[in-house]
Structure formats: structure tokens, C-alpha cells
Amino acid sequence: MTIETSFDSNYRKVLVAARRARQLQAGSHALIPSASSKACRVAQDEIDAGKISYVKQDVEVHKPSLDEPTAPIIVG
């Protein structure tokens, strides 16, 4: 596992912001002052300020080959 401070995709940034917004809605305190009171905007401001990091697990992705009997075959 590695701790990441930069985002490799916009999708991951949105996921991290959504999780942080849920934490804020559940009662966590904001890490920085924000002009907005909305949890989503506060989470985005925290990310832009570099206050939020995430843990990325080093999991190897297994892609099934077509030779394996468990691979689905989609006929279109």
C-alpha cells in the first residue's frame, strides 16, 4: 500500500472528494476554512489545498483470457 497525494485520474479525485464529503456530513471538522458550508465544496477545497491523501493498494489486476472457460462471451 502506498499513500498518494496526487490523483492519477479525475475519477479517483471525485471518489476521494465524495468520501470526504460523507465524513464531513457525519460530523468531521473541516481541515481548512472554506467560503462554502456545503460538504462537497469543502471537500474539494481541502483536496485543492493538498490536505487530503488516500491509500492505494498495490493489487495486481487479473484479466481473464479467452481460453479460460469462465470468461463470458458476449454476442452482439
Protein backbone atom coordinates (compact mmCIF):
# COMPACT_ATOMS: atom_id res chain seq x y z
CA MET A 1 0.00 0.00 0.00
CA THR A 2 1.17 3.48 -0.77
CA ILE A 3 -0.09 6.86 0.38
CA GLU A 4 -0.86 9.04 -2.63
CA THR A 5 -1.16 12.84 -2.57
CA SER A 6 -1.71 13.41 -6.29
CA PHE A 7 -4.52 11.94 -8.33
CA ASP A 8 -3.95 9.70 -11.34
CA SER A 9 -7.42 10.41 -12.76
CA ASN A 10 -10.36 12.75 -12.30
CA TYR A 11 -12.49 9.73 -11.41
CA ARG A 12 -10.30 8.94 -8.39
CA LYS A 13 -10.40 12.60 -7.33
CA VAL A 14 -14.21 12.55 -7.41
CA LEU A 15 -14.31 9.32 -5.38
CA VAL A 16 -11.99 10.76 -2.72
CA ALA A 17 -13.97 14.02 -2.59
CA ALA A 18 -17.24 12.10 -2.20
CA ARG A 19 -15.85 10.02 0.63
CA ARG A 20 -14.50 13.12 2.38
CA ALA A 21 -17.86 14.89 1.92
CA ARG A 22 -19.60 11.96 3.62
CA GLN A 23 -17.13 12.23 6.51
CA LEU A 24 -17.90 15.94 6.83
CA GLN A 25 -21.64 15.27 6.79
CA ALA A 26 -21.17 12.68 9.53
CA GLY A 27 -19.59 15.28 11.81
CA SER A 28 -15.89 15.55 10.92
CA HIS A 29 -14.40 19.02 11.17
CA ALA A 30 -13.08 20.79 8.08
CA LEU A 31 -9.30 20.88 7.77
CA ILE A 32 -9.27 24.37 6.26
CA PRO A 33 -11.58 27.36 6.38
CA SER A 34 -13.91 27.44 3.39
CA ALA A 35 -16.25 30.06 1.98
CA SER A 36 -18.89 27.37 1.47
CA SER A 37 -20.84 25.42 4.05
CA LYS A 38 -21.62 22.57 1.63
CA ALA A 39 -19.72 19.38 2.39
CA CYS A 40 -18.95 18.65 -1.25
CA ARG A 41 -17.37 22.07 -1.83
CA VAL A 42 -15.43 21.92 1.44
CA ALA A 43 -14.04 18.51 0.43
CA GLN A 44 -12.96 19.90 -2.96
CA ASP A 45 -11.28 22.87 -1.25
CA GLU A 46 -9.42 20.52 1.09
CA ILE A 47 -8.20 18.47 -1.86
CA ASP A 48 -7.08 21.59 -3.75
CA ALA A 49 -5.19 22.73 -0.63
CA GLY A 50 -3.34 19.39 -0.51
CA LYS A 51 -4.80 18.39 2.87
CA ILE A 52 -6.33 15.11 1.68
CA SER A 53 -4.41 11.99 0.69
CA TYR A 54 -5.55 8.43 0.03
CA VAL A 55 -4.20 4.92 0.33
CA LYS A 56 -3.72 2.97 -2.87
CA GLN A 57 -3.42 -0.76 -2.51
CA ASP A 58 -0.99 -2.48 -4.81
CA VAL A 59 -3.38 -5.10 -6.16
CA GLU A 60 -2.47 -6.91 -9.33
CA VAL A 61 -5.27 -6.86 -11.89
CA HIS A 62 -6.17 -10.25 -13.34
CA LYS A 63 -7.60 -10.10 -16.85
CA PRO A 64 -9.12 -13.39 -17.98
CA SER A 65 -8.05 -14.71 -21.32
CA LEU A 66 -10.48 -16.06 -23.88
CA ASP A 67 -9.03 -19.54 -23.40
CA GLU A 68 -10.33 -19.72 -19.83
CA PRO A 69 -13.74 -21.40 -19.58
CA THR A 70 -15.06 -18.81 -17.10
CA ALA A 71 -14.68 -15.84 -19.45
CA PRO A 72 -18.08 -14.55 -20.63
CA ILE A 73 -18.68 -14.43 -24.35
CA ILE A 74 -20.98 -11.62 -25.49
CA VAL A 75 -22.56 -11.99 -28.88
CA GLY A 76 -23.91 -8.75 -30.24
